[in-house]
Amino acid sequence: MSSKYVIDPDVEFNRKHRVKRPPKRFDDNLQTTHVFSRTEYYRKTFRQVIDQLITEYKQLLMLMDKNIQSLAALSFKYILKFTATDADNISKMVQINDSVLLYSEIQLFKEKIHECETIANA
């Protein structure tokens, strides 16, 4: 990959990476300083990046799960359990300005929707 972009990883590592020494108030001995090799440094960096991506992906999945549960509450089977929280989640998702109005309208029609056998009939 680096040859494709004409980049030498060793040169880039030496140019951008510096030895991190502990502050002198903790340790004056330079022999105790740990110097990362190129492999160790990039392994640590890649793990940090992957960990961050996994965390963001989990948060996104949790948000999507919450939204899907709120949308499922609009189904004729579960419409009687529709809450103001569901209305608030749906209004944020589809950019409805007033979640209270959405909740009120659902409350008006939920009995009729519950009696329907299919979504098309609702």
Protein backbone atom coordinates (compact mmCIF):
# COMPACT_ATOMS: atom_id res chain seq x y z
CA MET A 1 0.00 0.00 0.00
CA SER A 2 2.76 2.46 0.90
CA SER A 3 4.58 1.77 -2.37
CA LYS A 4 1.43 2.63 -4.28
CA TYR A 5 1.42 6.12 -2.73
CA VAL A 6 5.23 6.43 -2.62
CA ILE A 7 5.37 6.70 1.16
CA ASP A 8 8.07 5.20 3.31
CA PRO A 9 6.47 4.26 6.67
CA ASP A 10 9.81 4.31 8.52
CA VAL A 11 10.63 7.83 7.36
CA GLU A 12 7.13 9.08 8.23
CA PHE A 13 7.26 7.42 11.64
CA ASN A 14 10.67 8.94 12.45
CA ARG A 15 9.57 12.35 11.21
CA LYS A 16 6.28 12.51 13.13
CA HIS A 17 6.93 10.41 16.22
CA ARG A 18 8.95 11.61 19.15
CA VAL A 19 10.07 9.82 22.28
CA LYS A 20 7.74 10.57 25.14
CA ARG A 21 9.66 10.84 28.39
CA PRO A 22 8.03 11.05 31.81
CA PRO A 23 8.26 14.42 33.56
CA LYS A 24 11.44 14.94 35.57
CA ARG A 25 9.50 15.29 38.79
CA PHE A 26 8.48 11.62 38.38
CA ASP A 27 11.67 10.13 36.97
CA ASP A 28 15.04 11.60 36.05
CA ASN A 29 16.36 8.32 34.73
CA LEU A 30 16.28 8.25 30.91
CA GLN A 31 16.80 4.48 30.92
CA THR A 32 13.22 3.89 32.09
CA THR A 33 11.69 5.67 29.11
CA HIS A 34 9.77 3.32 26.86
CA VAL A 35 10.39 3.87 23.18
CA PHE A 36 7.68 2.54 20.88
CA SER A 37 8.76 0.77 17.75
CA ARG A 38 6.92 1.61 14.57
CA THR A 39 4.87 -1.59 14.83
CA GLU A 40 3.92 -1.02 18.48
CA TYR A 41 3.01 2.60 17.86
CA TYR A 42 0.73 1.88 14.91
CA ARG A 43 -0.78 -1.16 16.61
CA LYS A 44 -1.71 1.04 19.58
CA THR A 45 -3.07 3.75 17.28
CA PHE A 46 -5.12 1.33 15.16
CA ARG A 47 -6.60 -0.25 18.29
CA GLN A 48 -7.64 3.18 19.55
CA VAL A 49 -9.27 3.99 16.22
CA ILE A 50 -11.08 0.65 16.04
CA ASP A 51 -12.24 0.98 19.65
CA GLN A 52 -13.66 4.44 18.89
CA LEU A 53 -15.43 3.15 15.78
CA ILE A 54 -16.93 0.22 17.69
CA THR A 55 -18.19 2.57 20.40
CA GLU A 56 -19.79 4.92 17.87
CA TYR A 57 -21.34 1.96 16.01
CA LYS A 58 -22.87 0.60 19.24
CA GLN A 59 -24.36 4.01 20.03
CA LEU A 60 -25.82 4.22 16.53
CA LEU A 61 -27.35 0.74 16.81
CA MET A 62 -28.89 1.58 20.19
CA LEU A 63 -30.41 4.75 18.72
CA MET A 64 -31.77 2.84 15.73
CA ASP A 65 -33.23 0.17 18.03
CA LYS A 66 -35.01 2.85 20.07
CA ASN A 67 -36.41 4.42 16.89
CA ILE A 68 -37.60 1.08 15.52
CA GLN A 69 -39.36 0.30 18.80
CA SER A 70 -41.14 3.64 18.60
CA LEU A 71 -42.18 3.00 15.00
CA ALA A 72 -43.38 -0.49 15.90
CA ALA A 73 -45.71 1.12 18.45
CA LEU A 74 -47.65 2.58 15.48
CA SER A 75 -48.59 -0.93 14.36
CA PHE A 76 -52.25 -1.84 14.76
CA LYS A 77 -51.23 -4.63 17.18
CA TYR A 78 -49.35 -2.33 19.56
CA ILE A 79 -51.11 1.02 19.03
CA LEU A 80 -52.85 0.84 22.41
CA LYS A 81 -49.42 0.96 24.10
CA PHE A 82 -48.32 4.09 22.21
CA THR A 83 -46.76 6.63 24.60
CA ALA A 84 -45.73 10.27 24.50
CA THR A 85 -42.09 9.11 24.49
CA ASP A 86 -42.77 7.15 21.29
CA ALA A 87 -44.32 10.26 19.75
CA ASP A 88 -41.29 12.32 20.77
CA ASN A 89 -38.87 9.77 19.25
CA ILE A 90 -40.84 9.61 16.01
CA SER A 91 -41.10 13.39 15.73
CA LYS A 92 -37.31 13.69 16.07
CA MET A 93 -36.78 10.98 13.46
CA VAL A 94 -39.10 12.36 10.77
CA GLN A 95 -38.73 16.02 11.74
CA ILE A 96 -42.26 16.70 12.95
CA ASN A 97 -42.29 19.97 14.85
CA ASP A 98 -44.87 19.10 17.51
CA SER A 99 -44.69 15.69 19.19
CA VAL A 100 -47.62 16.55 21.48
CA LEU A 101 -49.85 17.09 18.44
CA LEU A 102 -48.73 13.74 16.97
CA TYR A 103 -49.45 12.00 20.28
CA SER A 104 -52.90 13.64 20.50
CA GLU A 105 -53.84 12.58 16.97
CA ILE A 106 -52.73 9.00 17.60
CA GLN A 107 -54.79 8.96 20.81
CA LEU A 108 -57.87 10.08 18.84
CA PHE A 109 -57.58 7.32 16.25
CA LYS A 110 -55.93 4.48 18.16
CA GLU A 111 -59.17 2.56 18.77
CA LYS A 112 -60.02 2.57 15.06
CA ILE A 113 -56.45 1.63 14.12
CA HIS A 114 -56.47 -1.22 16.66
CA GLU A 115 -59.60 -2.72 15.06
CA CYS A 116 -57.95 -2.94 11.63
CA GLU A 117 -56.54 -6.26 10.47
CA THR A 118 -53.83 -4.90 8.18
CA ILE A 119 -51.82 -1.72 7.94
CA ALA A 120 -53.46 -0.96 4.58
CA ASN A 121 -56.88 -0.96 6.26
CA ALA A 122 -55.70 1.43 8.96
